[in-house]
Amino acid sequence: MALTRYVTEMGMGVDVHGGDYTKAARRAVADAIRHSSLNFFAALDKSPNDMHITVKIGAGDPGAVDTAAVAAELPYGTVSVEPQVGGLDVPAATGNDLMVIVNAAVLVCFEE
């Protein structure tokens, strides 16, 4: 069966102090889904648990993203997290702190 995408949501998250890419990624996912209400489950004869969700994360250091922690931000479905290079790192003027900005794209698909 093929997957068909029904939803694409975008979000941004920031860790202002500390350079925590996972914290920023979790905030980006929360931002992406915060204003969503999916009302098509009955029309598709599907449940929230039928969703196949891909989360694409853009971070300055993709290897520093805890993908399991990011996936836990989504309460339903089968979730995969794909970190890649992106986002923005902003060093402090003093050089002893780092602000990280992370982008997220949350893609929701169903088997058809």
PDB file of N, CA and C in Angstrom:
ATOM      1  N   MET A   1       0.830  -1.193   0.000  1.00  0.00           N
ATOM      2  CA  MET A   1       0.000   0.000   0.000  1.00  0.00           C
ATOM      3  C   MET A   1       0.871   1.253   0.000  1.00  0.00           C
ATOM      4  N   ALA A   2       0.402   2.256  -0.680  1.00  0.00           N
ATOM      5  CA  ALA A   2       1.132   3.521  -0.756  1.00  0.00           C
ATOM      6  C   ALA A   2       0.655   4.470   0.337  1.00  0.00           C
ATOM      7  N   LEU A   3       1.562   5.347   0.756  1.00  0.00           N
ATOM      8  CA  LEU A   3       1.205   6.381   1.721  1.00  0.00           C
ATOM      9  C   LEU A   3       0.795   7.642   0.975  1.00  0.00           C
ATOM     10  N   THR A   4      -0.291   8.264   1.439  1.00  0.00           N
ATOM     11  CA  THR A   4      -0.756   9.524   0.879  1.00  0.00           C
ATOM     12  C   THR A   4      -0.684  10.586   1.962  1.00  0.00           C
ATOM     13  N   ARG A   5      -0.043  11.712   1.641  1.00  0.00           N
ATOM     14  CA  ARG A   5       0.090  12.794   2.629  1.00  0.00           C
ATOM     15  C   ARG A   5      -1.202  13.607   2.676  1.00  0.00           C
ATOM     16  N   TYR A   6      -1.662  13.854   3.903  1.00  0.00           N
ATOM     17  CA  TYR A   6      -2.854  14.653   4.137  1.00  0.00           C
ATOM     18  C   TYR A   6      -2.564  15.966   4.858  1.00  0.00           C
ATOM     19  N   VAL A   7      -1.491  16.013   5.628  1.00  0.00           N
ATOM     20  CA  VAL A   7      -1.207  17.204   6.429  1.00  0.00           C
ATOM     21  C   VAL A   7       0.283  17.514   6.360  1.00  0.00           C
ATOM     22  N   THR A   8       0.593  18.801   6.237  1.00  0.00           N
ATOM     23  CA  THR A   8       1.963  19.295   6.379  1.00  0.00           C
ATOM     24  C   THR A   8       1.892  20.489   7.323  1.00  0.00           C
ATOM     25  N   GLU A   9       2.562  20.398   8.447  1.00  0.00           N
ATOM     26  CA  GLU A   9       2.607  21.496   9.421  1.00  0.00           C
ATOM     27  C   GLU A   9       4.063  21.888   9.622  1.00  0.00           C
ATOM     28  N   MET A  10       4.312  23.184   9.808  1.00  0.00           N
ATOM     29  CA  MET A  10       5.663  23.679  10.036  1.00  0.00           C
ATOM     30  C   MET A  10       5.745  24.364  11.386  1.00  0.00           C
ATOM     31  N   GLY A  11       6.907  24.265  12.016  1.00  0.00           N
ATOM     32  CA  GLY A  11       7.093  24.930  13.297  1.00  0.00           C
ATOM     33  C   GLY A  11       8.534  25.334  13.515  1.00  0.00           C
ATOM     34  N   MET A  12       8.721  26.208  14.490  1.00  0.00           N
ATOM     35  CA  MET A  12      10.057  26.677  14.861  1.00  0.00           C
ATOM     36  C   MET A  12      10.182  26.608  16.369  1.00  0.00           C
ATOM     37  N   GLY A  13      11.346  26.197  16.843  1.00  0.00           N
ATOM     38  CA  GLY A  13      11.615  26.153  18.277  1.00  0.00           C
ATOM     39  C   GLY A  13      12.994  26.704  18.572  1.00  0.00           C
ATOM     40  N   VAL A  14      13.128  27.295  19.740  1.00  0.00           N
ATOM     41  CA  VAL A  14      14.386  27.930  20.124  1.00  0.00           C
ATOM     42  C   VAL A  14      14.776  27.506  21.533  1.00  0.00           C
ATOM     43  N   ASP A  15      16.052  27.211  21.723  1.00  0.00           N
ATOM     44  CA  ASP A  15      16.631  27.124  23.058  1.00  0.00           C
ATOM     45  C   ASP A  15      17.503  28.359  23.179  1.00  0.00           C
ATOM     46  N   VAL A  16      17.047  29.325  23.966  1.00  0.00           N
ATOM     47  CA  VAL A  16      17.688  30.637  24.033  1.00  0.00           C
ATOM     48  C   VAL A  16      19.053  30.567  24.699  1.00  0.00           C
ATOM     49  N   HIS A  17      19.200  29.725  25.694  1.00  0.00           N
ATOM     50  CA  HIS A  17      20.488  29.588  26.390  1.00  0.00           C
ATOM     51  C   HIS A  17      20.810  28.108  26.543  1.00  0.00           C
ATOM     52  N   GLY A  18      22.007  27.734  26.181  1.00  0.00           N
ATOM     53  CA  GLY A  18      22.436  26.372  26.449  1.00  0.00           C
ATOM     54  C   GLY A  18      22.684  25.517  25.227  1.00  0.00           C
ATOM     55  N   GLY A  19      22.188  25.927  24.059  1.00  0.00           N
ATOM     56  CA  GLY A  19      22.475  25.170  22.845  1.00  0.00           C
ATOM     57  C   GLY A  19      21.905  23.768  22.828  1.00  0.00           C
ATOM     58  N   ASP A  20      20.720  23.561  23.405  1.00  0.00           N
ATOM     59  CA  ASP A  20      20.110  22.228  23.467  1.00  0.00           C
ATOM     60  C   ASP A  20      19.241  22.013  22.225  1.00  0.00           C
ATOM     61  N   TYR A  21      19.770  21.271  21.258  1.00  0.00           N
ATOM     62  CA  TYR A  21      19.067  21.036  20.001  1.00  0.00           C
ATOM     63  C   TYR A  21      17.786  20.225  20.210  1.00  0.00           C
ATOM     64  N   THR A  22      17.793  19.287  21.137  1.00  0.00           N
ATOM     65  CA  THR A  22      16.598  18.488  21.393  1.00  0.00           C
ATOM     66  C   THR A  22      15.490  19.349  21.967  1.00  0.00           C
ATOM     67  N   LYS A  23      15.817  20.215  22.916  1.00  0.00           N
ATOM     68  CA  LYS A  23      14.809  21.108  23.498  1.00  0.00           C
ATOM     69  C   LYS A  23      14.201  21.988  22.402  1.00  0.00           C
ATOM     70  N   ALA A  24      15.038  22.545  21.550  1.00  0.00           N
ATOM     71  CA  ALA A  24      14.546  23.395  20.467  1.00  0.00           C
ATOM     72  C   ALA A  24      13.711  22.590  19.476  1.00  0.00           C
ATOM     73  N   ALA A  25      14.114  21.354  19.171  1.00  0.00           N
ATOM     74  CA  ALA A  25      13.363  20.505  18.243  1.00  0.00           C
ATOM     75  C   ALA A  25      11.997  20.141  18.816  1.00  0.00           C
ATOM     76  N   ARG A  26      11.944  19.824  20.095  1.00  0.00           N
ATOM     77  CA  ARG A  26      10.663  19.509  20.736  1.00  0.00           C
ATOM     78  C   ARG A  26       9.739  20.719  20.690  1.00  0.00           C
ATOM     79  N   ARG A  27      10.284  21.890  20.910  1.00  0.00           N
ATOM     80  CA  ARG A  27       9.483  23.118  20.838  1.00  0.00           C
ATOM     81  C   ARG A  27       9.004  23.382  19.414  1.00  0.00           C
ATOM     82  N   ALA A  28       9.835  23.056  18.422  1.00  0.00           N
ATOM     83  CA  ALA A  28       9.435  23.234  17.022  1.00  0.00           C
ATOM     84  C   ALA A  28       8.275  22.324  16.663  1.00  0.00           C
ATOM     85  N   VAL A  29       8.307  21.078  17.126  1.00  0.00           N
ATOM     86  CA  VAL A  29       7.206  20.144  16.865  1.00  0.00           C
ATOM     87  C   VAL A  29       5.946  20.605  17.591  1.00  0.00           C
ATOM     88  N   ALA A  30       6.074  21.022  18.845  1.00  0.00           N
ATOM     89  CA  ALA A  30       4.923  21.526  19.594  1.00  0.00           C
ATOM     90  C   ALA A  30       4.323  22.737  18.879  1.00  0.00           C
ATOM     91  N   ASP A  31       5.174  23.618  18.358  1.00  0.00           N
ATOM     92  CA  ASP A  31       4.703  24.781  17.612  1.00  0.00           C
ATOM     93  C   ASP A  31       3.946  24.345  16.365  1.00  0.00           C
ATOM     94  N   ALA A  32       4.435  23.338  15.679  1.00  0.00           N
ATOM     95  CA  ALA A  32       3.805  22.875  14.439  1.00  0.00           C
ATOM     96  C   ALA A  32       2.411  22.302  14.685  1.00  0.00           C
ATOM     97  N   ILE A  33       2.219  21.588  15.775  1.00  0.00           N
ATOM     98  CA  ILE A  33       0.927  20.915  15.991  1.00  0.00           C
ATOM     99  C   ILE A  33      -0.016  21.685  16.908  1.00  0.00           C
ATOM    100  N   ARG A  34       0.459  22.734  17.523  1.00  0.00           N
ATOM    101  CA  ARG A  34      -0.319  23.449  18.534  1.00  0.00           C
ATOM    102  C   ARG A  34      -1.656  23.974  18.009  1.00  0.00           C
ATOM    103  N   HIS A  35      -1.708  24.387  16.753  1.00  0.00           N
ATOM    104  CA  HIS A  35      -2.914  25.012  16.213  1.00  0.00           C
ATOM    105  C   HIS A  35      -3.670  24.085  15.265  1.00  0.00           C
ATOM    106  N   SER A  36      -3.420  22.800  15.339  1.00  0.00           N
ATOM    107  CA  SER A  36      -4.049  21.848  14.434  1.00  0.00           C
ATOM    108  C   SER A  36      -5.189  21.108  15.121  1.00  0.00           C
ATOM    109  N   SER A  37      -6.223  20.875  14.346  1.00  0.00           N
ATOM    110  CA  SER A  37      -7.316  20.003  14.769  1.00  0.00           C
ATOM    111  C   SER A  37      -7.684  19.170  13.558  1.00  0.00           C
ATOM    112  N   LEU A  38      -7.376  17.901  13.610  1.00  0.00           N
ATOM    113  CA  LEU A  38      -7.606  17.021  12.467  1.00  0.00           C
ATOM    114  C   LEU A  38      -9.001  16.415  12.584  1.00  0.00           C
ATOM    115  N   ASN A  39      -9.849  16.742  11.640  1.00  0.00           N
ATOM    116  CA  ASN A  39     -11.258  16.341  11.713  1.00  0.00           C
ATOM    117  C   ASN A  39     -11.670  15.393  10.602  1.00  0.00           C
ATOM    118  N   PHE A  40     -10.738  14.757   9.943  1.00  0.00           N
ATOM    119  CA  PHE A  40     -11.072  13.943   8.778  1.00  0.00           C
ATOM    120  C   PHE A  40     -11.034  12.446   9.039  1.00  0.00           C
ATOM    121  N   PHE A  41     -10.837  12.036  10.274  1.00  0.00           N
ATOM    122  CA  PHE A  41     -10.685  10.606  10.556  1.00  0.00           C
ATOM    123  C   PHE A  41     -11.927   9.802  10.151  1.00  0.00           C
ATOM    124  N   ALA A  42     -13.106  10.256  10.513  1.00  0.00           N
ATOM    125  CA  ALA A  42     -14.332   9.529  10.168  1.00  0.00           C
ATOM    126  C   ALA A  42     -14.524   9.478   8.651  1.00  0.00           C
ATOM    127  N   ALA A  43     -14.257  10.581   7.965  1.00  0.00           N
ATOM    128  CA  ALA A  43     -14.420  10.626   6.510  1.00  0.00           C
ATOM    129  C   ALA A  43     -13.471   9.656   5.807  1.00  0.00           C
ATOM    130  N   LEU A  44     -12.313   9.419   6.400  1.00  0.00           N
ATOM    131  CA  LEU A  44     -11.326   8.505   5.814  1.00  0.00           C
ATOM    132  C   LEU A  44     -11.443   7.085   6.359  1.00  0.00           C
ATOM    133  N   ASP A  45     -12.342   6.896   7.312  1.00  0.00           N
ATOM    134  CA  ASP A  45     -12.486   5.617   8.009  1.00  0.00           C
ATOM    135  C   ASP A  45     -11.142   5.202   8.625  1.00  0.00           C
ATOM    136  N   LYS A  46     -10.502   6.170   9.298  1.00  0.00           N
ATOM    137  CA  LYS A  46      -9.206   5.973   9.942  1.00  0.00           C
ATOM    138  C   LYS A  46      -9.285   6.455  11.385  1.00  0.00           C
ATOM    139  N   SER A  47      -8.283   6.089  12.171  1.00  0.00           N
ATOM    140  CA  SER A  47      -8.166   6.584  13.543  1.00  0.00           C
ATOM    141  C   SER A  47      -6.846   7.346  13.665  1.00  0.00           C
ATOM    142  N   PRO A  48      -6.691   8.123  14.727  1.00  0.00           N
ATOM    143  CA  PRO A  48      -5.407   8.813  14.924  1.00  0.00           C
ATOM    144  C   PRO A  48      -4.213   7.857  14.959  1.00  0.00           C
ATOM    145  N   ASN A  49      -4.440   6.642  15.420  1.00  0.00           N
ATOM    146  CA  ASN A  49      -3.335   5.679  15.489  1.00  0.00           C
ATOM    147  C   ASN A  49      -2.934   5.133  14.122  1.00  0.00           C
ATOM    148  N   ASP A  50      -3.746   5.386  13.076  1.00  0.00           N
ATOM    149  CA  ASP A  50      -3.414   4.952  11.721  1.00  0.00           C
ATOM    150  C   ASP A  50      -2.439   5.901  11.033  1.00  0.00           C
ATOM    151  N   MET A  51      -2.155   7.042  11.656  1.00  0.00           N
ATOM    152  CA  MET A  51      -1.281   8.024  11.029  1.00  0.00           C
ATOM    153  C   MET A  51       0.160   7.512  10.956  1.00  0.00           C
ATOM    154  N   HIS A  52       0.812   7.817   9.847  1.00  0.00           N
ATOM    155  CA  HIS A  52       2.247   7.617   9.676  1.00  0.00           C
ATOM    156  C   HIS A  52       2.830   9.019   9.626  1.00  0.00           C
ATOM    157  N   ILE A  53       3.588   9.387  10.651  1.00  0.00           N
ATOM    158  CA  ILE A  53       4.071  10.756  10.796  1.00  0.00           C
ATOM    159  C   ILE A  53       5.587  10.773  10.614  1.00  0.00           C
ATOM    160  N   THR A  54       6.021  11.636   9.711  1.00  0.00           N
ATOM    161  CA  THR A  54       7.450  11.881   9.524  1.00  0.00           C
ATOM    162  C   THR A  54       7.724  13.288  10.011  1.00  0.00           C
ATOM    163  N   VAL A  55       8.700  13.418  10.895  1.00  0.00           N
ATOM    164  CA  VAL A  55       9.109  14.731  11.394  1.00  0.00           C
ATOM    165  C   VAL A  55      10.497  15.015  10.845  1.00  0.00           C
ATOM    166  N   LYS A  56      10.583  16.031  10.003  1.00  0.00           N
ATOM    167  CA  LYS A  56      11.872  16.465   9.465  1.00  0.00           C
ATOM    168  C   LYS A  56      12.343  17.632  10.322  1.00  0.00           C
ATOM    169  N   ILE A  57      13.537  17.481  10.890  1.00  0.00           N
ATOM    170  CA  ILE A  57      14.100  18.485  11.795  1.00  0.00           C
ATOM    171  C   ILE A  57      15.326  19.104  11.141  1.00  0.00           C
ATOM    172  N   GLY A  58      15.349  20.437  11.093  1.00  0.00           N
ATOM    173  CA  GLY A  58      16.520  21.155  10.599  1.00  0.00           C
ATOM    174  C   GLY A  58      17.252  21.764  11.783  1.00  0.00           C
ATOM    175  N   ALA A  59      18.464  21.290  12.058  1.00  0.00           N
ATOM    176  CA  ALA A  59      19.237  21.756  13.213  1.00  0.00           C
ATOM    177  C   ALA A  59      20.701  21.903  12.811  1.00  0.00           C
ATOM    178  N   GLY A  60      21.376  22.836  13.457  1.00  0.00           N
ATOM    179  CA  GLY A  60      22.792  23.060  13.181  1.00  0.00           C
ATOM    180  C   GLY A  60      23.650  21.832  13.436  1.00  0.00           C
ATOM    181  N   ASP A  61      23.266  21.028  14.413  1.00  0.00           N
ATOM    182  CA  ASP A  61      23.963  19.781  14.719  1.00  0.00           C
ATOM    183  C   ASP A  61      22.923  18.667  14.786  1.00  0.00           C
ATOM    184  N   PRO A  62      22.541  18.097  13.643  1.00  0.00           N
ATOM    185  CA  PRO A  62      21.486  17.095  13.637  1.00  0.00           C
ATOM    186  C   PRO A  62      21.785  15.880  14.505  1.00  0.00           C
ATOM    187  N   GLY A  63      23.044  15.544  14.683  1.00  0.00           N
ATOM    188  CA  GLY A  63      23.409  14.401  15.508  1.00  0.00           C
ATOM    189  C   GLY A  63      23.144  14.615  16.986  1.00  0.00           C
ATOM    190  N   ALA A  64      22.937  15.857  17.394  1.00  0.00           N
ATOM    191  CA  ALA A  64      22.676  16.164  18.797  1.00  0.00           C
ATOM    192  C   ALA A  64      21.193  16.110  19.151  1.00  0.00           C
ATOM    193  N   VAL A  65      20.338  15.796  18.181  1.00  0.00           N
ATOM    194  CA  VAL A  65      18.897  15.726  18.419  1.00  0.00           C
ATOM    195  C   VAL A  65      18.531  14.322  18.892  1.00  0.00           C
ATOM    196  N   ASP A  66      17.889  14.241  20.051  1.00  0.00           N
ATOM    197  CA  ASP A  66      17.381  12.969  20.586  1.00  0.00           C
ATOM    198  C   ASP A  66      16.064  12.679  19.876  1.00  0.00           C
ATOM    199  N   THR A  67      16.100  11.806  18.879  1.00  0.00           N
ATOM    200  CA  THR A  67      14.916  11.562  18.051  1.00  0.00           C
ATOM    201  C   THR A  67      13.767  10.934  18.833  1.00  0.00           C
ATOM    202  N   ALA A  68      14.053  10.116  19.818  1.00  0.00           N
ATOM    203  CA  ALA A  68      12.986   9.514  20.628  1.00  0.00           C
ATOM    204  C   ALA A  68      12.255  10.585  21.440  1.00  0.00           C
ATOM    205  N   ALA A  69      12.991  11.545  21.987  1.00  0.00           N
ATOM    206  CA  ALA A  69      12.369  12.629  22.748  1.00  0.00           C
ATOM    207  C   ALA A  69      11.498  13.497  21.845  1.00  0.00           C
ATOM    208  N   VAL A  70      11.958  13.735  20.622  1.00  0.00           N
ATOM    209  CA  VAL A  70      11.167  14.534  19.680  1.00  0.00           C
ATOM    210  C   VAL A  70       9.909  13.765  19.285  1.00  0.00           C
ATOM    211  N   ALA A  71      10.033  12.477  18.993  1.00  0.00           N
ATOM    212  CA  ALA A  71       8.875  11.658  18.617  1.00  0.00           C
ATOM    213  C   ALA A  71       7.832  11.628  19.724  1.00  0.00           C
ATOM    214  N   ALA A  72       8.260  11.697  20.967  1.00  0.00           N
ATOM    215  CA  ALA A  72       7.334  11.654  22.103  1.00  0.00           C
ATOM    216  C   ALA A  72       6.423  12.876  22.167  1.00  0.00           C
ATOM    217  N   GLU A  73       6.733  13.930  21.417  1.00  0.00           N
ATOM    218  CA  GLU A  73       5.865  15.116  21.373  1.00  0.00           C
ATOM    219  C   GLU A  73       4.558  14.839  20.640  1.00  0.00           C
ATOM    220  N   LEU A  74       4.515  13.757  19.871  1.00  0.00           N
ATOM    221  CA  LEU A  74       3.323  13.429  19.089  1.00  0.00           C
ATOM    222  C   LEU A  74       2.574  12.285  19.761  1.00  0.00           C
ATOM    223  N   PRO A  75       1.320  12.508  20.133  1.00  0.00           N
ATOM    224  CA  PRO A  75       0.604  11.532  20.954  1.00  0.00           C
ATOM    225  C   PRO A  75       0.024  10.327  20.204  1.00  0.00           C
ATOM    226  N   TYR A  76      -0.024  10.375  18.873  1.00  0.00           N
ATOM    227  CA  TYR A  76      -0.659   9.304  18.105  1.00  0.00           C
ATOM    228  C   TYR A  76       0.199   8.916  16.921  1.00  0.00           C
ATOM    229  N   GLY A  77      -0.103   7.762  16.372  1.00  0.00           N
ATOM    230  CA  GLY A  77       0.494   7.345  15.121  1.00  0.00           C
ATOM    231  C   GLY A  77       1.865   6.723  15.262  1.00  0.00           C
ATOM    232  N   THR A  78       2.387   6.294  14.121  1.00  0.00           N
ATOM    233  CA  THR A  78       3.739   5.774  14.008  1.00  0.00           C
ATOM    234  C   THR A  78       4.615   6.942  13.590  1.00  0.00           C
ATOM    235  N   VAL A  79       5.625   7.257  14.402  1.00  0.00           N
ATOM    236  CA  VAL A  79       6.409   8.476  14.189  1.00  0.00           C
ATOM    237  C   VAL A  79       7.856   8.125  13.863  1.00  0.00           C
ATOM    238  N   SER A  80       8.375   8.770  12.817  1.00  0.00           N
ATOM    239  CA  SER A  80       9.810   8.698  12.540  1.00  0.00           C
ATOM    240  C   SER A  80      10.335  10.128  12.493  1.00  0.00           C
ATOM    241  N   VAL A  81      11.538  10.315  13.026  1.00  0.00           N
ATOM    242  CA  VAL A  81      12.159  11.633  13.090  1.00  0.00           C
ATOM    243  C   VAL A  81      13.430  11.602  12.261  1.00  0.00           C
ATOM    244  N   GLU A  82      13.557  12.587  11.361  1.00  0.00           N
ATOM    245  CA  GLU A  82      14.692  12.653  10.447  1.00  0.00           C
ATOM    246  C   GLU A  82      15.429  13.988  10.617  1.00  0.00           C
ATOM    247  N   PRO A  83      16.451  14.021  11.478  1.00  0.00           N
ATOM    248  CA  PRO A  83      17.232  15.259  11.617  1.00  0.00           C
ATOM    249  C   PRO A  83      18.138  15.476  10.412  1.00  0.00           C
ATOM    250  N   GLN A  84      18.276  16.716  10.028  1.00  0.00           N
ATOM    251  CA  GLN A  84      19.193  17.084   8.949  1.00  0.00           C
ATOM    252  C   GLN A  84      19.759  18.468   9.235  1.00  0.00           C
ATOM    253  N   VAL A  85      20.779  18.840   8.499  1.00  0.00           N
ATOM    254  CA  VAL A  85      21.410  20.139   8.723  1.00  0.00           C
ATOM    255  C   VAL A  85      20.438  21.247   8.333  1.00  0.00           C
ATOM    256  N   GLY A  86      20.290  22.211   9.222  1.00  0.00           N
ATOM    257  CA  GLY A  86      19.402  23.339   8.981  1.00  0.00           C
ATOM    258  C   GLY A  86      19.368  24.220  10.210  1.00  0.00           C
ATOM    259  N   GLY A  87      18.323  25.006  10.338  1.00  0.00           N
ATOM    260  CA  GLY A  87      18.191  25.866  11.505  1.00  0.00           C
ATOM    261  C   GLY A  87      19.235  26.959  11.537  1.00  0.00           C
ATOM    262  N   LEU A  88      19.508  27.446  12.743  1.00  0.00           N
ATOM    263  CA  LEU A  88      20.441  28.549  12.901  1.00  0.00           C
ATOM    264  C   LEU A  88      21.056  28.503  14.288  1.00  0.00           C
ATOM    265  N   ASP A  89      22.359  28.668  14.365  1.00  0.00           N
ATOM    266  CA  ASP A  89      23.074  28.792  15.634  1.00  0.00           C
ATOM    267  C   ASP A  89      23.477  30.253  15.803  1.00  0.00           C
ATOM    268  N   VAL A  90      23.182  30.812  16.976  1.00  0.00           N
ATOM    269  CA  VAL A  90      23.516  32.214  17.251  1.00  0.00           C
ATOM    270  C   VAL A  90      24.361  32.252  18.519  1.00  0.00           C
ATOM    271  N   PRO A  91      25.676  32.423  18.379  1.00  0.00           N
ATOM    272  CA  PRO A  91      26.524  32.486  19.567  1.00  0.00           C
ATOM    273  C   PRO A  91      26.287  33.786  20.330  1.00  0.00           C
ATOM    274  N   ALA A  92      26.468  33.720  21.634  1.00  0.00           N
ATOM    275  CA  ALA A  92      26.352  34.914  22.475  1.00  0.00           C
ATOM    276  C   ALA A  92      27.500  35.862  22.170  1.00  0.00           C
ATOM    277  N   ALA A  93      27.279  37.123  22.457  1.00  0.00           N
ATOM    278  CA  ALA A  93      28.316  38.130  22.220  1.00  0.00           C
ATOM    279  C   ALA A  93      29.582  37.823  23.011  1.00  0.00           C
ATOM    280  N   THR A  94      29.409  37.189  24.179  1.00  0.00           N
ATOM    281  CA  THR A  94      30.563  36.860  25.017  1.00  0.00           C
ATOM    282  C   THR A  94      31.222  35.553  24.591  1.00  0.00           C
ATOM    283  N   GLY A  95      30.533  34.782  23.741  1.00  0.00           N
ATOM    284  CA  GLY A  95      31.094  33.535  23.250  1.00  0.00           C
ATOM    285  C   GLY A  95      30.949  32.350  24.181  1.00  0.00           C
ATOM    286  N   ASN A  96      30.259  32.506  25.323  1.00  0.00           N
ATOM    287  CA  ASN A  96      30.138  31.394  26.265  1.00  0.00           C
ATOM    288  C   ASN A  96      28.732  30.820  26.347  1.00  0.00           C
ATOM    289  N   ASP A  97      27.894  31.110  25.364  1.00  0.00           N
ATOM    290  CA  ASP A  97      26.535  30.593  25.340  1.00  0.00           C
ATOM    291  C   ASP A  97      26.114  30.459  23.881  1.00  0.00           C
ATOM    292  N   LEU A  98      25.086  29.664  23.632  1.00  0.00           N
ATOM    293  CA  LEU A  98      24.628  29.439  22.268  1.00  0.00           C
ATOM    294  C   LEU A  98      23.110  29.385  22.233  1.00  0.00           C
ATOM    295  N   MET A  99      22.520  30.184  21.353  1.00  0.00           N
ATOM    296  CA  MET A  99      21.093  30.092  21.054  1.00  0.00           C
ATOM    297  C   MET A  99      20.963  29.227  19.807  1.00  0.00           C
ATOM    298  N   VAL A 100      20.069  28.222  19.851  1.00  0.00           N
ATOM    299  CA  VAL A 100      19.839  27.393  18.672  1.00  0.00           C
ATOM    300  C   VAL A 100      18.384  27.524  18.248  1.00  0.00           C
ATOM    301  N   ILE A 101      18.201  27.666  16.942  1.00  0.00           N
ATOM    302  CA  ILE A 101      16.873  27.745  16.344  1.00  0.00           C
ATOM    303  C   ILE A 101      16.722  26.520  15.447  1.00  0.00           C
ATOM    304  N   VAL A 102      15.640  25.789  15.660  1.00  0.00           N
ATOM    305  CA  VAL A 102      15.395  24.544  14.933  1.00  0.00           C
ATOM    306  C   VAL A 102      14.060  24.651  14.224  1.00  0.00           C
ATOM    307  N   ASN A 103      14.005  24.128  13.000  1.00  0.00           N
ATOM    308  CA  ASN A 103      12.767  24.080  12.235  1.00  0.00           C
ATOM    309  C   ASN A 103      12.263  22.646  12.189  1.00  0.00           C
ATOM    310  N   ALA A 104      10.925  22.512  12.133  1.00  0.00           N
ATOM    311  CA  ALA A 104      10.318  21.188  12.019  1.00  0.00           C
ATOM    312  C   ALA A 104       9.237  21.203  10.937  1.00  0.00           C
ATOM    313  N   ALA A 105       9.187  20.148  10.172  1.00  0.00           N
ATOM    314  CA  ALA A 105       8.073  19.878   9.265  1.00  0.00           C
ATOM    315  C   ALA A 105       7.451  18.562   9.722  1.00  0.00           C
ATOM    316  N   VAL A 106       6.174  18.598  10.033  1.00  0.00           N
ATOM    317  CA  VAL A 106       5.454  17.409  10.477  1.00  0.00           C
ATOM    318  C   VAL A 106       4.553  16.969   9.333  1.00  0.00           C
ATOM    319  N   LEU A 107       4.830  15.793   8.801  1.00  0.00           N
ATOM    320  CA  LEU A 107       4.103  15.270   7.645  1.00  0.00           C
ATOM    321  C   LEU A 107       3.240  14.093   8.078  1.00  0.00           C
ATOM    322  N   VAL A 108       1.943  14.179   7.842  1.00  0.00           N
ATOM    323  CA  VAL A 108       1.001  13.135   8.244  1.00  0.00           C
ATOM    324  C   VAL A 108       0.477  12.419   7.011  1.00  0.00           C
ATOM    325  N   CYS A 109       0.669  11.107   6.992  1.00  0.00           N
ATOM    326  CA  CYS A 109       0.231  10.282   5.867  1.00  0.00           C
ATOM    327  C   CYS A 109      -0.624   9.131   6.374  1.00  0.00           C
ATOM    328  N   PHE A 110      -1.418   8.581   5.449  1.00  0.00           N
ATOM    329  CA  PHE A 110      -2.193   7.368   5.725  1.00  0.00           C
ATOM    330  C   PHE A 110      -1.959   6.375   4.592  1.00  0.00           C
ATOM    331  N   GLU A 111      -2.022   5.105   4.930  1.00  0.00           N
ATOM    332  CA  GLU A 111      -1.967   4.061   3.901  1.00  0.00           C
ATOM    333  C   GLU A 111      -3.269   4.098   3.124  1.00  0.00           C
ATOM    334  N   GLU A 112      -3.147   4.027   1.822  1.00  0.00           N
ATOM    335  CA  GLU A 112      -4.330   4.057   0.928  1.00  0.00           C
ATOM    336  C   GLU A 112      -4.387   2.761   0.155  1.00  0.00           C
TER     337      GLU A 112
END
